[in-house]
Amino acid sequence: MNILVLSNSLHTYLVIGALLFGIGCYGLVQRQTFIGMLISAELILSGASLNFMAFNRFLAPDPTVGQVFTLFIMAIAAAEAAIALSIIIAVYRNYKSIDTEDVMDLKG
């Protein structure tokens, strides 16, 4: 018995993309460590990328537009991950913790 049957339609992909985006936003707000926040930001970018690809597949007359946007998002995600990890390592070296509550005195 199939409880969940997904059809290959724009609506299905948009719902999955919105779920990824929503889970990422929730995780970004609720996580206490920088690593969890980084993973949540990656989920947000994955949801946006999935939506671009879905719109490209079902609505765009030129098939390369959505693919170019998705590659651009992937490049931004890779750069964001590299910069964030270097900042996390620097914070850990100074504070011996990656918990956001322990680093609150960084405020100006």
Protein backbone atom coordinates (compact mmCIF):
# COMPACT_ATOMS: atom_id res chain seq x y z
CA MET A 1 0.00 0.00 0.00
CA ASN A 2 1.50 3.31 -1.10
CA ILE A 3 0.69 6.02 1.40
CA LEU A 4 2.79 8.65 -0.31
CA VAL A 5 2.76 8.77 -4.09
CA LEU A 6 4.60 11.71 -5.63
CA SER A 7 3.78 12.80 -9.13
CA ASN A 8 6.26 14.44 -11.44
CA SER A 9 4.74 17.92 -11.40
CA LEU A 10 5.80 21.46 -10.62
CA HIS A 11 3.68 21.49 -7.47
CA THR A 12 5.52 18.49 -6.01
CA TYR A 13 8.93 20.05 -6.52
CA LEU A 14 7.80 23.40 -5.14
CA VAL A 15 6.43 21.76 -2.00
CA ILE A 16 9.67 19.85 -1.44
CA GLY A 17 11.70 23.02 -2.06
CA ALA A 18 9.52 24.97 0.35
CA LEU A 19 9.93 22.23 2.97
CA LEU A 20 13.72 22.34 2.60
CA PHE A 21 13.65 26.12 2.84
CA GLY A 22 11.37 26.06 5.89
CA ILE A 23 13.41 23.41 7.71
CA GLY A 24 16.53 25.43 6.98
CA CYS A 25 14.99 28.64 8.34
CA TYR A 26 13.79 26.84 11.47
CA GLY A 27 17.22 25.29 11.99
CA LEU A 28 18.95 28.62 11.48
CA VAL A 29 16.86 30.17 14.24
CA GLN A 30 16.92 27.22 16.66
CA ARG A 31 20.48 25.90 16.40
CA GLN A 32 22.95 26.84 19.12
CA THR A 33 26.17 25.93 17.32
CA PHE A 34 27.77 27.47 14.29
CA ILE A 35 27.98 24.10 12.53
CA GLY A 36 24.21 23.60 12.86
CA MET A 37 23.62 27.08 11.53
CA LEU A 38 25.90 26.37 8.57
CA ILE A 39 24.01 23.16 7.75
CA SER A 40 20.72 25.05 7.98
CA ALA A 41 22.00 27.72 5.59
CA GLU A 42 22.95 24.96 3.16
CA LEU A 43 19.40 23.56 3.40
CA ILE A 44 18.02 27.01 2.55
CA LEU A 45 20.25 27.22 -0.51
CA SER A 46 19.27 23.68 -1.55
CA GLY A 47 15.58 24.56 -1.34
CA ALA A 48 16.10 27.65 -3.49
CA SER A 49 18.15 25.67 -5.98
CA LEU A 50 15.46 22.99 -6.23
CA ASN A 51 12.85 25.66 -6.94
CA PHE A 52 15.00 27.18 -9.68
CA MET A 53 15.43 23.78 -11.31
CA ALA A 54 11.71 23.02 -11.04
CA PHE A 55 10.75 26.30 -12.67
CA ASN A 56 13.38 25.66 -15.32
CA ARG A 57 12.03 22.20 -16.06
CA PHE A 58 8.35 23.07 -16.23
CA LEU A 59 8.04 26.75 -17.21
CA ALA A 60 11.17 28.18 -18.83
CA PRO A 61 11.46 28.21 -22.61
CA ASP A 62 15.28 28.26 -22.39
CA PRO A 63 16.52 25.20 -20.47
CA THR A 64 19.89 26.72 -19.55
CA VAL A 65 18.59 29.58 -17.40
CA GLY A 66 17.65 27.47 -14.37
CA GLN A 67 20.80 25.41 -14.68
CA VAL A 68 22.98 28.52 -14.69
CA PHE A 69 21.18 29.87 -11.62
CA THR A 70 21.61 26.53 -9.86
CA LEU A 71 25.33 26.41 -10.66
CA PHE A 72 25.63 29.97 -9.37
CA ILE A 73 23.88 28.97 -6.13
CA MET A 74 26.20 25.97 -5.78
CA ALA A 75 29.25 28.23 -6.18
CA ILE A 76 27.89 30.63 -3.57
CA ALA A 77 27.19 27.71 -1.22
CA ALA A 78 30.73 26.38 -1.61
CA ALA A 79 32.24 29.81 -0.94
CA GLU A 80 29.93 30.32 2.03
CA ALA A 81 30.89 26.96 3.49
CA ALA A 82 34.62 27.64 3.12
CA ILE A 83 34.41 31.09 4.69
CA ALA A 84 32.09 29.95 7.47
CA LEU A 85 34.30 26.99 8.37
CA SER A 86 37.37 29.23 8.56
CA ILE A 87 35.48 31.62 10.85
CA ILE A 88 34.30 28.69 12.99
CA ILE A 89 37.87 27.43 13.33
CA ALA A 90 39.08 30.91 14.33
CA VAL A 91 36.29 31.24 16.92
CA TYR A 92 37.08 27.77 18.31
CA ARG A 93 40.76 28.63 18.67
CA ASN A 94 39.92 31.74 20.70
CA TYR A 95 36.97 30.52 22.79
CA LYS A 96 37.40 26.71 22.81
CA SER A 97 33.71 26.42 21.94
CA ILE A 98 31.50 26.77 18.88
CA ASP A 99 28.34 27.45 20.88
CA THR A 100 26.75 30.78 19.97
CA GLU A 101 25.95 31.57 23.61
CA ASP A 102 29.64 31.40 24.55
CA VAL A 103 30.63 33.92 21.90
CA MET A 104 28.08 36.63 22.68
CA ASP A 105 30.76 39.09 23.85
CA LEU A 106 31.87 39.56 20.23
CA LYS A 107 29.18 42.21 19.86
CA GLY A 108 30.60 45.70 19.31
